[in-house]
Amino acid sequence: MKYLFSSLLLLAGLASLAQDSKTIKQSGNPIFKGWYADPDVAIFNNKYWVYPTYSAKYKEQVFLDAFSSDDLVTWKKHEHIVDTSAIKWANKAMWAPAIVKKDKKYYLFFGANDIQSDNEIGGIGVAVADKPEGPYKDHLGKPLVDKFHNGAQPIDQFVFKDKDGQYYLIYGGWRHCNIAKLNKDFTGFLPFEDGTIFKEITPDNYVEGPYMFIRNGKYYFMWSEGGWTGPDYSVAYAVSDSPFGPFKRVGKILKQDASIATGAGHHSVIINEKKGAYYIVYHRRPLTETDGNHRVTCIDEMKFDTEGNILPVKITNEGVKAQKVK
């Protein structure tokens, strides 16, 4: 009987350890296999979603994949949610998707063709679907933004919903960033009070990859600095009382760690309001890689100090602990 009781205790202990190991399960970095960059994130139907760029040569970037997860640890791949067969005007360089749900529809904003002047076909497009995994079809049959306004290359789009429900497109490469007010059906823009469509909100050292969120009534504007193929690609931020700024640069919060990875940048943020948790999802380059396109998607926790400043993020190989949406 004594031996049986000891055995039962041992089994109970092993079961407890197994349960603990499940509880503290880590995502690891990268969070899924493959060369992927420029991730945008969302929470739909109690699942986490990541929409990245397929990181390859421009002519091979003719589709977008998506990934979904219940817990930030196990990810399901949704292949070719949109490609150039659905977007007739796009032929290469499908970049930096930005996702938003509105009126039971899912809108996927993306850049295509890497245009270098107003005389080329391409820019920022919009695709629409009934489900987050698509399939997506062309919403306009043409680009939403196909010109250089205020010097901003029409790439790296982000859709921001303000407190009043208004949606804005924030975008721009070539060291310029614009904000524009989207109309209700995302087919165009509404002018600001002064009659302009595109307002420049470029902060110091801005290069590309804008992202914005609200916390405690403040507007946090984040962006990428440095060259995307280099080791010093990084993320910085500013804070303002308005989505239009002025945005004074605070400093970098995400950068390479020479012992882990280089080129950490072009990010987005998962905000789990119920858990009060913030996660930065970004790409970086493994230490073993020299090819500029060899980038992987990673996740780490993002924290704030008591004054609301974003603390520098420590990039890790472990990633984050499992976390359900609810």
Protein backbone atom coordinates (compact mmCIF):
# COMPACT_ATOMS: atom_id res chain seq x y z
CA MET A 1 0.00 0.00 0.00
CA LYS A 2 2.85 2.37 0.89
CA TYR A 3 4.48 1.62 -2.47
CA LEU A 4 1.17 2.23 -4.29
CA PHE A 5 0.67 5.56 -2.49
CA SER A 6 4.21 6.67 -3.42
CA SER A 7 3.59 5.67 -7.04
CA LEU A 8 0.37 7.69 -7.10
CA LEU A 9 2.19 10.70 -5.71
CA LEU A 10 4.88 10.33 -8.37
CA LEU A 11 2.28 10.11 -11.15
CA ALA A 12 0.50 13.16 -9.79
CA GLY A 13 3.78 15.05 -9.73
CA LEU A 14 4.57 14.08 -13.31
CA ALA A 15 1.09 15.14 -14.42
CA SER A 16 1.57 18.47 -12.68
CA LEU A 17 4.92 18.99 -14.41
CA ALA A 18 3.36 18.13 -17.77
CA GLN A 19 0.59 20.64 -17.13
CA ASP A 20 3.13 23.29 -16.13
CA SER A 21 5.13 22.68 -19.30
CA LYS A 22 1.98 23.25 -21.34
CA THR A 23 1.20 26.41 -19.41
CA ILE A 24 4.62 27.96 -20.03
CA LYS A 25 4.89 26.82 -23.62
CA GLN A 26 6.86 29.34 -25.67
CA SER A 27 6.38 30.49 -29.24
CA GLY A 28 10.06 30.40 -30.10
CA ASN A 29 11.49 32.72 -32.79
CA PRO A 30 10.84 32.75 -35.67
CA ILE A 31 7.18 31.96 -35.03
CA PHE A 32 6.70 30.09 -38.32
CA LYS A 33 8.90 28.68 -41.06
CA GLY A 34 9.86 30.48 -44.24
CA TRP A 35 11.23 33.80 -45.38
CA TYR A 36 8.67 36.41 -44.33
CA ALA A 37 8.93 40.11 -43.49
CA ASP A 38 6.92 43.30 -42.80
CA PRO A 39 4.22 41.58 -40.69
CA ASP A 40 0.88 43.21 -39.94
CA VAL A 41 -1.22 41.68 -37.17
CA ALA A 42 -4.83 41.55 -36.06
CA ILE A 43 -7.24 39.69 -33.80
CA PHE A 44 -10.24 38.23 -35.63
CA ASN A 45 -12.78 35.76 -34.21
CA ASN A 46 -10.65 35.06 -31.12
CA LYS A 47 -7.61 34.22 -33.20
CA TYR A 48 -4.34 36.03 -33.78
CA TRP A 49 -3.54 36.73 -37.42
CA VAL A 50 -0.25 37.69 -39.09
CA TYR A 51 -0.07 39.02 -42.65
CA PRO A 52 3.55 39.29 -43.87
CA THR A 53 5.43 39.99 -47.08
CA TYR A 54 6.79 36.91 -48.80
CA SER A 55 10.49 37.77 -48.64
CA ALA A 56 12.04 36.97 -52.00
CA LYS A 57 13.28 38.68 -55.16
CA TYR A 58 10.83 41.36 -56.31
CA LYS A 59 9.72 39.37 -59.37
CA GLU A 60 8.89 36.40 -57.12
CA GLN A 61 6.74 38.50 -54.77
CA VAL A 62 3.48 37.83 -56.60
CA PHE A 63 1.35 36.53 -53.71
CA LEU A 64 0.66 36.95 -50.01
CA ASP A 65 0.22 34.27 -47.34
CA ALA A 66 -1.36 34.64 -43.90
CA PHE A 67 -0.96 32.80 -40.59
CA SER A 68 -3.42 32.27 -37.73
CA SER A 69 -3.04 31.05 -34.16
CA ASP A 70 -5.17 30.41 -31.07
CA ASP A 71 -2.30 30.98 -28.66
CA LEU A 72 0.68 32.76 -30.35
CA VAL A 73 2.55 29.43 -30.34
CA THR A 74 1.02 27.13 -32.95
CA TRP A 75 0.46 28.80 -36.32
CA LYS A 76 -1.61 27.66 -39.30
CA LYS A 77 -0.52 28.76 -42.76
CA HIS A 78 -3.11 30.10 -45.22
CA GLU A 79 -1.46 30.03 -48.61
CA HIS A 80 -1.92 32.54 -51.44
CA ILE A 81 -4.76 34.53 -49.88
CA VAL A 82 -4.27 36.92 -52.80
CA ASP A 83 -1.96 37.00 -55.81
CA THR A 84 -1.37 38.89 -59.03
CA SER A 85 -3.96 36.82 -60.89
CA ALA A 86 -6.58 38.63 -58.77
CA ILE A 87 -4.83 42.02 -58.98
CA LYS A 88 -4.41 42.57 -62.71
CA TRP A 89 -2.38 45.78 -62.43
CA ALA A 90 0.17 44.20 -60.04
CA ASN A 91 3.07 42.19 -61.42
CA LYS A 92 5.75 42.15 -58.69
CA ALA A 93 6.81 43.41 -55.26
CA MET A 94 3.59 42.76 -53.33
CA TRP A 95 4.62 44.23 -50.01
CA ALA A 96 3.70 44.98 -46.43
CA PRO A 97 0.02 44.02 -46.22
CA ALA A 98 -2.22 45.92 -43.81
CA ILE A 99 -5.46 44.28 -42.69
CA VAL A 100 -8.67 45.78 -41.30
CA LYS A 101 -12.20 44.47 -40.70
CA LYS A 102 -15.09 46.80 -41.46
CA ASP A 103 -18.81 46.07 -41.91
CA LYS A 104 -18.23 42.28 -41.91
CA LYS A 105 -15.69 42.58 -44.73
CA TYR A 106 -11.92 42.17 -44.56
CA TYR A 107 -9.84 44.73 -46.41
CA LEU A 108 -6.23 43.96 -47.26
CA PHE A 109 -4.13 46.97 -48.27
CA PHE A 110 -0.83 46.22 -50.02
CA GLY A 111 1.91 47.78 -52.09
CA ALA A 112 2.80 46.49 -55.55
CA ASN A 113 5.31 47.06 -58.35
CA ASP A 114 7.76 49.23 -56.34
CA ILE A 115 7.13 52.24 -58.58
CA GLN A 116 9.96 54.78 -58.84
CA SER A 117 7.99 57.64 -60.46
CA ASP A 118 4.49 58.91 -61.20
CA ASN A 119 4.79 57.54 -64.73
CA GLU A 120 4.70 53.88 -63.66
CA ILE A 121 1.70 51.67 -62.91
CA GLY A 122 1.53 50.53 -59.29
CA GLY A 123 1.38 51.83 -55.75
CA ILE A 124 -1.01 50.98 -52.92
CA GLY A 125 -3.95 48.70 -53.64
CA VAL A 126 -6.92 47.28 -51.74
CA ALA A 127 -8.32 43.75 -51.82
CA VAL A 128 -11.50 42.55 -50.10
CA ALA A 129 -12.79 39.21 -48.80
CA ASP A 130 -15.56 37.74 -46.66
CA LYS A 131 -13.11 35.83 -44.44
CA PRO A 132 -9.74 36.78 -42.94
CA GLU A 133 -8.06 33.96 -44.89
CA GLY A 134 -9.59 35.14 -48.15
CA PRO A 135 -9.62 34.57 -51.03
CA TYR A 136 -9.24 38.30 -51.66
CA LYS A 137 -10.29 40.08 -54.83
CA ASP A 138 -9.37 43.50 -56.15
CA HIS A 139 -11.56 46.15 -54.51
CA LEU A 140 -10.91 48.93 -57.02
CA GLY A 141 -9.41 47.43 -60.16
CA LYS A 142 -6.64 50.02 -59.87
CA PRO A 143 -4.31 51.39 -57.18
CA LEU A 144 -5.74 53.51 -54.38
CA VAL A 145 -2.55 55.62 -54.33
CA ASP A 146 -0.44 55.64 -57.47
CA LYS A 147 1.53 58.89 -57.21
CA PHE A 148 4.30 60.38 -55.07
CA HIS A 149 2.65 62.88 -52.71
CA ASN A 150 4.94 65.00 -50.50
CA GLY A 151 7.85 62.85 -51.70
CA ALA A 152 6.47 59.62 -50.22
CA GLN A 153 6.81 56.47 -52.27
CA PRO A 154 3.38 54.74 -52.17
CA ILE A 155 4.39 51.69 -50.12
CA ASP A 156 4.28 50.44 -46.51
CA GLN A 157 0.64 51.22 -45.86
CA PHE A 158 -1.01 50.99 -42.46
CA VAL A 159 -4.71 51.53 -41.73
CA PHE A 160 -5.41 53.31 -38.46
CA LYS A 161 -8.84 53.56 -36.80
CA ASP A 162 -9.17 56.62 -34.58
CA LYS A 163 -11.31 56.92 -31.45
CA ASP A 164 -14.15 58.49 -33.41
CA GLY A 165 -14.30 55.58 -35.85
CA GLN A 166 -12.57 57.40 -38.71
CA TYR A 167 -10.09 55.30 -40.69
CA TYR A 168 -6.83 56.76 -41.97
CA LEU A 169 -4.22 55.49 -44.37
CA ILE A 170 -0.71 56.12 -43.05
CA TYR A 171 2.02 55.22 -45.51
CA GLY A 172 5.26 56.10 -47.20
CA GLY A 173 8.76 55.16 -48.19
CA TRP A 174 11.73 57.26 -49.29
CA ARG A 175 11.88 58.97 -45.86
CA HIS A 176 8.44 60.61 -46.14
CA CYS A 177 5.21 59.64 -44.37
CA ASN A 178 1.68 60.77 -45.20
CA ILE A 179 -1.70 60.43 -43.52
CA ALA A 180 -4.95 60.54 -45.49
CA LYS A 181 -8.61 60.21 -44.46
CA LEU A 182 -10.27 57.15 -46.01
CA ASN A 183 -13.88 57.33 -47.19
CA LYS A 184 -16.48 54.91 -45.84
CA ASP A 185 -16.08 52.19 -48.46
CA PHE A 186 -12.29 52.49 -48.83
CA THR A 187 -12.56 53.47 -52.48
CA GLY A 188 -10.88 56.83 -52.02
CA PHE A 189 -10.22 59.69 -49.64
CA LEU A 190 -11.98 62.60 -47.96
CA PRO A 191 -10.27 65.99 -47.97
CA PHE A 192 -9.11 67.62 -44.74
CA GLU A 193 -10.58 70.98 -43.74
CA ASP A 194 -7.92 72.84 -45.70
CA GLY A 195 -8.79 70.90 -48.85
CA THR A 196 -5.67 68.74 -48.92
CA ILE A 197 -5.80 64.95 -49.19
CA PHE A 198 -2.32 63.92 -48.05
CA LYS A 199 -0.77 65.47 -44.94
CA GLU A 200 2.89 64.84 -44.23
CA ILE A 201 3.67 63.71 -40.66
CA THR A 202 7.29 62.63 -41.14
CA PRO A 203 9.33 62.57 -37.89
CA ASP A 204 13.13 62.79 -37.63
CA ASN A 205 15.00 59.75 -38.99
CA TYR A 206 11.85 58.21 -40.50
CA VAL A 207 12.56 55.80 -43.37
CA GLU A 208 9.49 53.55 -43.81
CA GLY A 209 7.15 51.07 -42.11
CA PRO A 210 4.75 53.34 -40.15
CA TYR A 211 2.53 52.00 -37.37
CA MET A 212 0.19 53.82 -34.93
CA PHE A 213 -1.82 52.90 -31.85
CA ILE A 214 -3.54 54.70 -28.96
CA ARG A 215 -2.66 54.11 -25.33
CA ASN A 216 -4.06 56.15 -22.43
CA GLY A 217 -5.27 58.80 -24.83
CA LYS A 218 -1.86 59.27 -26.46
CA TYR A 219 -0.99 58.50 -30.08
CA TYR A 220 2.10 56.33 -30.42
CA PHE A 221 3.64 56.61 -33.87
CA MET A 222 6.29 54.03 -34.75
CA TRP A 223 8.45 53.53 -37.83
CA SER A 224 11.55 51.81 -39.20
CA GLU A 225 14.97 53.40 -39.59
CA GLY A 226 18.09 52.38 -41.49
CA GLY A 227 18.44 50.27 -44.62
CA TRP A 228 16.29 47.15 -44.77
CA THR A 229 19.11 44.94 -46.07
CA GLY A 230 21.57 46.08 -43.40
CA PRO A 231 22.17 44.96 -39.81
CA ASP A 232 21.10 48.28 -38.29
CA TYR A 233 17.48 48.27 -39.46
CA SER A 234 15.49 49.23 -36.36
CA VAL A 235 12.26 50.68 -34.93
CA ALA A 236 11.80 54.07 -33.27
CA TYR A 237 8.76 55.96 -31.99
CA ALA A 238 7.21 59.28 -31.06
CA VAL A 239 4.14 60.28 -29.04
CA SER A 240 1.54 62.98 -29.70
CA ASP A 241 -1.91 64.14 -28.65
CA SER A 242 -3.11 63.86 -32.25
CA PRO A 243 -2.72 61.41 -35.15
CA PHE A 244 -1.42 64.37 -37.16
CA GLY A 245 1.39 65.13 -34.75
CA PRO A 246 3.60 66.95 -34.30
CA PHE A 247 5.71 63.85 -33.69
CA LYS A 248 9.01 64.40 -31.94
CA ARG A 249 11.23 61.34 -32.03
CA VAL A 250 11.70 59.70 -28.60
CA GLY A 251 14.19 56.99 -29.59
CA LYS A 252 14.75 53.43 -30.74
CA ILE A 253 12.99 50.54 -29.03
CA LEU A 254 13.87 47.62 -31.32
CA LYS A 255 17.23 46.85 -32.88
CA GLN A 256 19.69 44.07 -33.61
CA ASP A 257 21.39 41.95 -30.99
CA ALA A 258 24.68 40.69 -32.42
CA SER A 259 24.32 37.46 -30.42
CA ILE A 260 20.81 36.68 -31.73
CA ALA A 261 19.91 38.37 -35.05
CA THR A 262 20.38 41.52 -37.14
CA GLY A 263 18.11 43.85 -39.09
CA ALA A 264 15.22 43.86 -36.59
CA GLY A 265 12.51 46.13 -37.97
CA HIS A 266 9.28 46.76 -39.89
CA HIS A 267 6.88 45.72 -37.19
CA SER A 268 3.32 45.85 -35.94
CA VAL A 269 1.79 45.40 -32.49
CA ILE A 270 -0.69 42.90 -31.09
CA ILE A 271 -2.70 44.56 -28.33
CA ASN A 272 -4.60 42.12 -26.13
CA GLU A 273 -6.73 44.59 -24.20
CA LYS A 274 -8.34 41.94 -22.00
CA LYS A 275 -4.94 40.73 -20.80
CA GLY A 276 -3.26 44.16 -20.88
CA ALA A 277 -0.52 42.63 -23.02
CA TYR A 278 1.43 44.14 -25.91
CA TYR A 279 3.47 42.09 -28.36
CA ILE A 280 5.72 43.45 -31.08
CA VAL A 281 5.77 41.32 -34.24
CA TYR A 282 8.67 42.13 -36.55
CA HIS A 283 11.17 40.65 -38.96
CA ARG A 284 14.87 40.09 -38.50
CA ARG A 285 17.75 38.35 -40.26
CA PRO A 286 19.34 35.20 -38.78
CA LEU A 287 23.06 35.51 -38.05
CA THR A 288 23.79 32.79 -40.60
CA GLU A 289 22.25 34.77 -43.49
CA THR A 290 23.74 37.40 -45.79
CA ASP A 291 20.97 37.46 -48.42
CA GLY A 292 18.88 40.60 -47.89
CA ASN A 293 15.68 38.66 -48.51
CA HIS A 294 16.40 36.05 -45.87
CA ARG A 295 14.16 37.52 -43.19
CA VAL A 296 11.98 35.75 -40.64
CA THR A 297 8.96 36.83 -38.59
CA CYS A 298 9.40 36.99 -34.82
CA ILE A 299 7.52 38.09 -31.71
CA ASP A 300 8.58 39.53 -28.36
CA GLU A 301 6.82 41.28 -25.52
CA MET A 302 6.62 45.07 -25.50
CA LYS A 303 6.39 46.88 -22.16
CA PHE A 304 6.01 50.44 -20.87
CA ASP A 305 7.38 52.32 -17.90
CA THR A 306 5.19 54.21 -15.41
CA GLU A 307 5.34 57.35 -17.55
CA GLY A 308 4.12 55.57 -20.67
CA ASN A 309 7.45 55.33 -22.44
CA ILE A 310 8.06 52.18 -24.48
CA LEU A 311 10.88 50.21 -22.92
CA PRO A 312 13.59 48.86 -25.24
CA VAL A 313 12.55 45.44 -26.50
CA LYS A 314 14.92 42.56 -25.89
CA ILE A 315 14.86 40.34 -28.96
CA THR A 316 14.90 36.68 -27.99
CA ASN A 317 15.10 33.18 -29.38
CA GLU A 318 12.38 32.09 -26.96
CA GLY A 319 9.64 34.46 -28.10
CA VAL A 320 6.59 34.73 -25.84
CA LYS A 321 4.54 32.45 -23.63
CA ALA A 322 1.31 30.94 -24.94
CA GLN A 323 -1.54 33.42 -24.63
CA LYS A 324 -5.16 32.97 -25.63
CA VAL A 325 -7.09 35.98 -26.87
CA LYS A 326 -9.54 35.68 -23.96
